Amino acid sequence: MSVKDDEHFVAQSVESILEQDDIDFEFIIVNDGSTDETGETIAEFQRLDSRIKIVEQEHKGLTNALITGCVLASGKYIARQDAGGDISLPGRLRSQFELLEGDDDAVMVGSGATVVGPDGEHLYDTVMSQNELDQGLQSLTTTNVRGPPHYCTMMRNSAYRKVGGYRGVFYVAQDLDLWLRLYENGRTIADETVRYVAKLRPTDISCLYRNSQIETTKYILEAARLRRSGRDETVILDLASQYKQKTPRSKITRKLYNRKQEAKGLYHIGSCINLTDSERARHYYRLALRKQPLHLRALLRLLSSYRTKV
């Protein structure tokens, strides 16, 4: 697990792992340059539970934090857990362990998850069948490629190292790059049971860097095409490393960009809630407009919800 300034939520995530029953594990937490009380919080957990191993590093981003943690992983399997209030449900680790133990050809298992909003509002469930997982990882088009939720996977350590693990060139979408390479080296298992609760916040990477994820996915898919045709992928990795430099650099530009992306995230959350709780949805549309007053879709949704109410 990588943590970065999660002082208000990290305890929930840590506790959900420590409470996993009937399974032997080490819990590696990489503190990726937190500037709040996150470090103190996880240090207190470490004092109470010897299974926790903490790595402190300067802020390097999620991908590099995961690389750091996986290098230290000594277990037969590596399981992912996100911070930020995400919760592994009881029995998650044991069930995934048993699925991998029962299939020597399997390199990874991905389970279902419930996605909730910042205040715990139910947004949607994400569950993949075996056929959907196989087709999603076989596909090399941006519209059809799909893998299991990053935060709710377990993979064979030996397979992770064989394919080269996470790659630092991919600041975002690092999970898809890894899943495709694992798929090329063994079976992936779809567990259709919901075993995880993921909290979606408008400041998450998936919201702030959505455009970068889309562009990065194109490089990842092209690299996979080359590998699967027996050709060298180095040229694509070089291009991907250059793309990282195109993200906003100045503080002002980055702030404006982040506000715009947060507004999109807030709008998305509101849209997910709209059918079940229109009043709560309006709350997120208003927040989106505060971040970006010219967010026309949020404005139209807000006005439309009031007309529907009348």
Protein backbone atom coordinates (compact mmCIF):
# COMPACT_ATOMS: atom_id res chain seq x y z
CA MET A 1 0.00 0.00 0.00
CA SER A 2 1.22 3.46 -0.92
CA VAL A 3 0.13 6.42 1.22
CA LYS A 4 0.38 10.15 0.61
CA ASP A 5 -1.28 12.70 2.95
CA ASP A 6 -4.12 10.40 4.04
CA GLU A 7 -4.20 11.25 7.75
CA HIS A 8 -8.02 11.28 7.95
CA PHE A 9 -8.61 7.99 6.13
CA VAL A 10 -5.52 5.77 6.31
CA ALA A 11 -6.52 4.12 9.61
CA GLN A 12 -9.64 2.57 8.05
CA SER A 13 -7.61 1.06 5.23
CA VAL A 14 -4.88 -0.29 7.52
CA GLU A 15 -7.39 -1.80 9.95
CA SER A 16 -9.22 -3.60 7.14
CA ILE A 17 -6.01 -5.48 6.33
CA LEU A 18 -4.96 -6.20 9.90
CA GLU A 19 -8.40 -7.71 10.54
CA GLN A 20 -8.05 -10.26 7.72
CA ASP A 21 -8.46 -13.71 9.33
CA ASP A 22 -6.79 -17.08 8.76
CA ILE A 23 -4.01 -15.81 6.53
CA ASP A 24 -0.30 -15.18 7.13
CA PHE A 25 0.99 -11.94 5.60
CA GLU A 26 3.40 -9.04 5.81
CA PHE A 27 1.95 -5.57 5.32
CA ILE A 28 4.32 -3.24 3.46
CA ILE A 29 3.31 0.43 3.59
CA VAL A 30 5.27 2.95 1.53
CA ASN A 31 4.89 6.50 2.84
CA ASP A 32 5.37 8.49 -0.34
CA GLY A 33 6.49 11.81 1.16
CA SER A 34 3.44 12.62 3.30
CA THR A 35 3.51 16.09 4.87
CA ASP A 36 0.60 15.61 7.28
CA GLU A 37 0.12 13.18 10.20
CA THR A 38 -0.03 10.08 7.99
CA GLY A 39 3.47 8.99 9.01
CA GLU A 40 2.63 9.18 12.71
CA THR A 41 -0.59 7.24 12.21
CA ILE A 42 0.99 4.29 10.41
CA ALA A 43 3.95 4.33 12.82
CA GLU A 44 1.52 3.81 15.70
CA PHE A 45 -0.01 0.83 13.91
CA GLN A 46 3.48 -0.58 13.39
CA ARG A 47 4.22 -0.33 17.10
CA LEU A 48 1.14 -2.45 17.78
CA ASP A 49 1.51 -4.99 14.98
CA SER A 50 4.84 -6.48 13.88
CA ARG A 51 3.40 -7.57 10.50
CA ILE A 52 3.64 -3.96 9.32
CA LYS A 53 6.80 -2.80 7.54
CA ILE A 54 7.04 0.91 6.75
CA VAL A 55 9.20 2.46 4.05
CA GLU A 56 9.71 6.23 4.11
CA GLN A 57 10.64 7.97 0.86
CA GLU A 58 10.49 11.37 -0.79
CA HIS A 59 7.41 11.87 -2.94
CA LYS A 60 7.90 9.92 -6.18
CA GLY A 61 4.32 9.10 -7.18
CA LEU A 62 2.21 5.96 -6.94
CA THR A 63 4.05 3.87 -9.53
CA ASN A 64 7.46 4.32 -7.95
CA ALA A 65 6.03 3.75 -4.47
CA LEU A 66 4.55 0.45 -5.64
CA ILE A 67 7.86 -0.54 -7.21
CA THR A 68 9.58 0.16 -3.89
CA GLY A 69 7.07 -1.93 -1.96
CA CYS A 70 7.08 -4.86 -4.37
CA VAL A 71 10.88 -5.05 -4.34
CA LEU A 72 10.64 -5.75 -0.61
CA ALA A 73 7.76 -8.22 -0.87
CA SER A 74 8.94 -11.65 0.29
CA GLY A 75 5.65 -13.55 0.17
CA LYS A 76 4.52 -16.01 -2.46
CA TYR A 77 1.81 -13.56 -3.49
CA ILE A 78 1.47 -9.77 -3.65
CA ALA A 79 -1.89 -8.15 -2.89
CA ARG A 80 -2.77 -4.53 -3.58
CA GLN A 81 -4.58 -2.21 -1.19
CA ASP A 82 -5.24 1.50 -1.65
CA ALA A 83 -5.32 3.99 1.19
CA GLY A 84 -7.75 6.91 1.30
CA GLY A 85 -10.43 5.02 3.23
CA ASP A 86 -10.57 1.97 0.95
CA ILE A 87 -11.54 -1.22 2.76
CA SER A 88 -10.75 -4.87 2.12
CA LEU A 89 -13.81 -6.80 3.25
CA PRO A 90 -13.42 -9.74 5.66
CA GLY A 91 -11.98 -12.83 3.98
CA ARG A 92 -10.65 -10.99 0.95
CA LEU A 93 -7.02 -12.11 1.26
CA ARG A 94 -7.85 -15.69 2.20
CA SER A 95 -10.27 -16.16 -0.70
CA GLN A 96 -7.83 -14.76 -3.27
CA PHE A 97 -4.99 -16.84 -1.80
CA GLU A 98 -7.05 -20.03 -2.15
CA LEU A 99 -7.96 -19.27 -5.77
CA LEU A 100 -4.29 -18.86 -6.72
CA GLU A 101 -3.20 -21.86 -4.66
CA GLY A 102 -5.73 -23.97 -6.54
CA ASP A 103 -4.41 -23.09 -10.00
CA ASP A 104 -0.67 -23.36 -10.67
CA ASP A 105 -1.08 -21.65 -14.05
CA ALA A 106 -2.81 -18.59 -12.60
CA VAL A 107 -0.74 -15.44 -12.24
CA MET A 108 -3.38 -13.05 -10.90
CA VAL A 109 -6.88 -12.88 -9.42
CA GLY A 110 -9.12 -9.82 -9.46
CA SER A 111 -12.23 -9.56 -7.30
CA GLY A 112 -15.33 -7.40 -7.44
CA ALA A 113 -15.61 -4.09 -5.63
CA THR A 114 -18.21 -1.59 -4.48
CA VAL A 115 -17.34 2.02 -5.30
CA VAL A 116 -18.62 4.69 -2.92
CA GLY A 117 -18.49 8.50 -2.93
CA PRO A 118 -16.54 10.80 -0.58
CA ASP A 119 -19.20 10.45 2.13
CA GLY A 120 -19.85 6.76 1.60
CA GLU A 121 -22.64 7.12 -0.97
CA HIS A 122 -23.06 3.99 -3.10
CA LEU A 123 -22.04 4.78 -6.68
CA TYR A 124 -21.81 1.41 -8.41
CA ASP A 125 -20.42 -2.13 -8.21
CA THR A 126 -17.67 -3.26 -10.55
CA VAL A 127 -17.61 -7.02 -11.13
CA MET A 128 -16.10 -8.90 -14.06
CA SER A 129 -16.99 -12.39 -15.25
CA GLN A 130 -14.21 -14.72 -16.42
CA ASN A 131 -15.21 -14.16 -20.03
CA GLU A 132 -15.21 -10.36 -19.58
CA LEU A 133 -11.77 -10.45 -17.97
CA ASP A 134 -10.31 -12.68 -20.71
CA GLN A 135 -11.76 -10.54 -23.49
CA GLY A 136 -10.76 -7.31 -21.75
CA LEU A 137 -7.10 -8.31 -21.46
CA GLN A 138 -6.98 -9.88 -24.91
CA SER A 139 -8.27 -6.71 -26.56
CA LEU A 140 -5.81 -4.07 -27.69
CA THR A 141 -8.26 -1.25 -28.44
CA THR A 142 -8.85 1.69 -26.11
CA THR A 143 -12.62 1.12 -26.15
CA ASN A 144 -12.51 -2.57 -25.22
CA VAL A 145 -9.36 -3.17 -23.17
CA ARG A 146 -10.19 -3.70 -19.53
CA GLY A 147 -8.61 -5.26 -16.46
CA PRO A 148 -9.64 -5.88 -12.86
CA PRO A 149 -9.72 -3.02 -10.32
CA HIS A 150 -6.13 -2.23 -9.37
CA TYR A 151 -6.84 -1.99 -5.66
CA CYS A 152 -8.44 -5.44 -5.38
CA THR A 153 -5.94 -7.79 -7.01
CA MET A 154 -3.53 -10.45 -5.85
CA MET A 155 -0.73 -11.72 -8.07
CA ARG A 156 1.94 -14.38 -7.94
CA ASN A 157 5.22 -12.79 -6.84
CA SER A 158 7.28 -14.93 -9.21
CA ALA A 159 5.11 -13.87 -12.17
CA TYR A 160 5.36 -10.22 -11.15
CA ARG A 161 9.15 -10.42 -11.22
CA LYS A 162 9.24 -12.47 -14.42
CA VAL A 163 7.38 -9.81 -16.42
CA GLY A 164 9.39 -6.95 -14.90
CA GLY A 165 6.83 -5.60 -12.42
CA TYR A 166 5.44 -2.09 -12.48
CA ARG A 167 7.31 0.21 -14.84
CA GLY A 168 8.24 3.70 -13.78
CA VAL A 169 7.71 5.10 -17.27
CA PHE A 170 3.96 4.88 -16.67
CA TYR A 171 3.06 7.48 -14.05
CA VAL A 172 -0.62 6.56 -14.55
CA ALA A 173 -2.33 3.41 -15.91
CA GLN A 174 0.58 1.41 -14.48
CA ASP A 175 -1.86 -1.35 -13.53
CA LEU A 176 -3.10 -1.92 -17.08
CA ASP A 177 0.47 -2.20 -18.35
CA LEU A 178 1.23 -4.83 -15.70
CA TRP A 179 -2.05 -6.73 -16.19
CA LEU A 180 -1.46 -7.09 -19.94
CA ARG A 181 2.03 -8.45 -19.40
CA LEU A 182 0.82 -10.87 -16.72
CA TYR A 183 -1.97 -12.03 -19.05
CA GLU A 184 0.65 -12.83 -21.67
CA ASN A 185 2.41 -15.14 -19.19
CA GLY A 186 -0.38 -17.08 -17.51
CA ARG A 187 -4.05 -17.34 -16.54
CA THR A 188 -5.92 -14.53 -14.85
CA ILE A 189 -8.82 -15.41 -12.56
CA ALA A 190 -12.02 -13.38 -12.20
CA ASP A 191 -13.58 -13.60 -8.74
CA GLU A 192 -17.13 -12.31 -9.15
CA THR A 193 -17.63 -11.74 -5.43
CA VAL A 194 -17.42 -8.18 -4.07
CA ARG A 195 -14.50 -8.22 -1.64
CA TYR A 196 -13.53 -4.56 -1.49
CA VAL A 197 -15.00 -1.10 -0.93
CA ALA A 198 -13.24 1.68 -2.88
CA LYS A 199 -13.78 5.33 -2.05
CA LEU A 200 -13.84 7.63 -5.08
CA ARG A 201 -12.73 11.21 -4.42
CA PRO A 202 -12.43 14.02 -6.98
CA THR A 203 -8.76 14.44 -6.04
CA ASP A 204 -7.90 10.82 -6.89
CA ILE A 205 -5.46 10.06 -9.69
CA SER A 206 -8.28 8.61 -11.79
CA CYS A 207 -9.98 12.03 -11.72
CA LEU A 208 -7.03 14.44 -11.82
CA TYR A 209 -5.12 12.58 -14.50
CA ARG A 210 -7.95 11.10 -16.57
CA ASN A 211 -6.68 12.67 -19.82
CA SER A 212 -3.17 11.38 -19.15
CA GLN A 213 -4.56 7.90 -18.46
CA ILE A 214 -6.25 7.87 -21.85
CA GLU A 215 -3.10 8.98 -23.68
CA THR A 216 -0.88 6.64 -21.68
CA THR A 217 -3.19 3.72 -22.48
CA LYS A 218 -2.43 4.26 -26.17
CA TYR A 219 1.29 3.74 -25.50
CA ILE A 220 0.57 0.69 -23.34
CA LEU A 221 -1.57 -0.91 -26.03
CA GLU A 222 0.98 -0.23 -28.77
CA ALA A 223 3.71 -1.77 -26.60
CA ALA A 224 1.49 -4.84 -26.12
CA ARG A 225 0.92 -5.12 -29.88
CA LEU A 226 4.66 -5.16 -30.47
CA ARG A 227 5.28 -7.76 -27.74
CA ARG A 228 2.51 -10.03 -29.01
CA SER A 229 3.91 -9.90 -32.52
CA GLY A 230 7.40 -10.75 -31.27
CA ARG A 231 8.84 -7.26 -31.77
CA ASP A 232 10.78 -4.93 -29.48
CA GLU A 233 8.70 -2.43 -27.47
CA THR A 234 11.60 -0.14 -26.50
CA VAL A 235 10.72 2.64 -28.95
CA ILE A 236 7.20 2.92 -27.45
CA LEU A 237 8.55 3.03 -23.90
CA ASP A 238 10.86 5.86 -24.95
CA LEU A 239 7.93 7.81 -26.39
CA ALA A 240 5.90 7.18 -23.23
CA SER A 241 8.70 8.58 -21.06
CA GLN A 242 8.69 11.78 -23.13
CA TYR A 243 4.91 12.14 -22.76
CA LYS A 244 5.28 12.51 -18.98
CA GLN A 245 6.94 15.86 -19.55
CA LYS A 246 3.79 17.25 -21.19
CA THR A 247 1.82 17.45 -17.93
CA PRO A 248 1.36 20.99 -16.46
CA ARG A 249 4.54 22.28 -14.84
CA SER A 250 3.86 25.77 -13.52
CA LYS A 251 1.95 26.11 -10.24
CA ILE A 252 -0.75 28.32 -11.76
CA THR A 253 -1.34 26.07 -14.78
CA ARG A 254 -1.35 22.97 -12.62
CA LYS A 255 -3.82 24.52 -10.17
CA LEU A 256 -6.23 25.48 -12.94
CA TYR A 257 -5.90 22.08 -14.53
CA ASN A 258 -6.54 20.31 -11.22
CA ARG A 259 -9.64 22.41 -10.54
CA LYS A 260 -11.01 21.49 -13.95
CA GLN A 261 -10.33 17.79 -13.39
CA GLU A 262 -11.80 17.89 -9.88
CA ALA A 263 -14.95 19.44 -11.34
CA LYS A 264 -15.20 16.53 -13.76
CA GLY A 265 -14.81 14.10 -10.88
CA LEU A 266 -17.51 15.83 -8.83
CA TYR A 267 -19.83 15.82 -11.82
CA HIS A 268 -19.20 12.10 -12.33
CA ILE A 269 -20.00 11.35 -8.68
CA GLY A 270 -23.20 13.37 -8.88
CA SER A 271 -24.24 11.56 -12.06
CA CYS A 272 -23.73 8.16 -10.41
CA ILE A 273 -25.96 9.17 -7.48
CA ASN A 274 -28.58 11.00 -9.51
CA LEU A 275 -31.01 8.11 -10.01
CA THR A 276 -31.13 7.17 -6.33
CA ASP A 277 -30.64 10.48 -4.51
CA SER A 278 -31.28 13.58 -6.58
CA GLU A 279 -30.72 15.96 -3.67
CA ARG A 280 -27.28 14.49 -2.99
CA ALA A 281 -26.52 14.61 -6.71
CA ARG A 282 -27.32 18.33 -6.74
CA HIS A 283 -24.79 18.80 -3.95
CA TYR A 284 -22.03 17.43 -6.18
CA TYR A 285 -23.18 19.42 -9.21
CA ARG A 286 -22.91 22.58 -7.10
CA LEU A 287 -19.42 21.60 -5.95
CA ALA A 288 -18.42 21.00 -9.56
CA LEU A 289 -19.62 24.49 -10.51
CA ARG A 290 -17.65 26.04 -7.67
CA LYS A 291 -14.52 24.42 -9.03
CA GLN A 292 -15.37 25.30 -12.63
CA PRO A 293 -18.20 27.85 -13.04
CA LEU A 294 -18.37 27.14 -16.78
CA HIS A 295 -19.00 23.41 -16.35
CA LEU A 296 -22.08 23.42 -18.59
CA ARG A 297 -23.01 19.78 -18.09
CA ALA A 298 -23.11 20.21 -14.33
CA LEU A 299 -25.20 23.38 -14.72
CA LEU A 300 -27.67 21.68 -17.06
CA ARG A 301 -27.98 18.66 -14.78
CA LEU A 302 -28.56 20.94 -11.79
CA LEU A 303 -31.25 22.98 -13.54
CA SER A 304 -32.88 19.85 -14.94
CA SER A 305 -33.07 18.26 -11.48
CA TYR A 306 -34.92 21.28 -10.11
CA ARG A 307 -37.42 21.15 -12.97
CA THR A 308 -37.96 17.47 -12.32
CA LYS A 309 -38.52 18.16 -8.63
CA VAL A 310 -41.19 20.79 -9.39
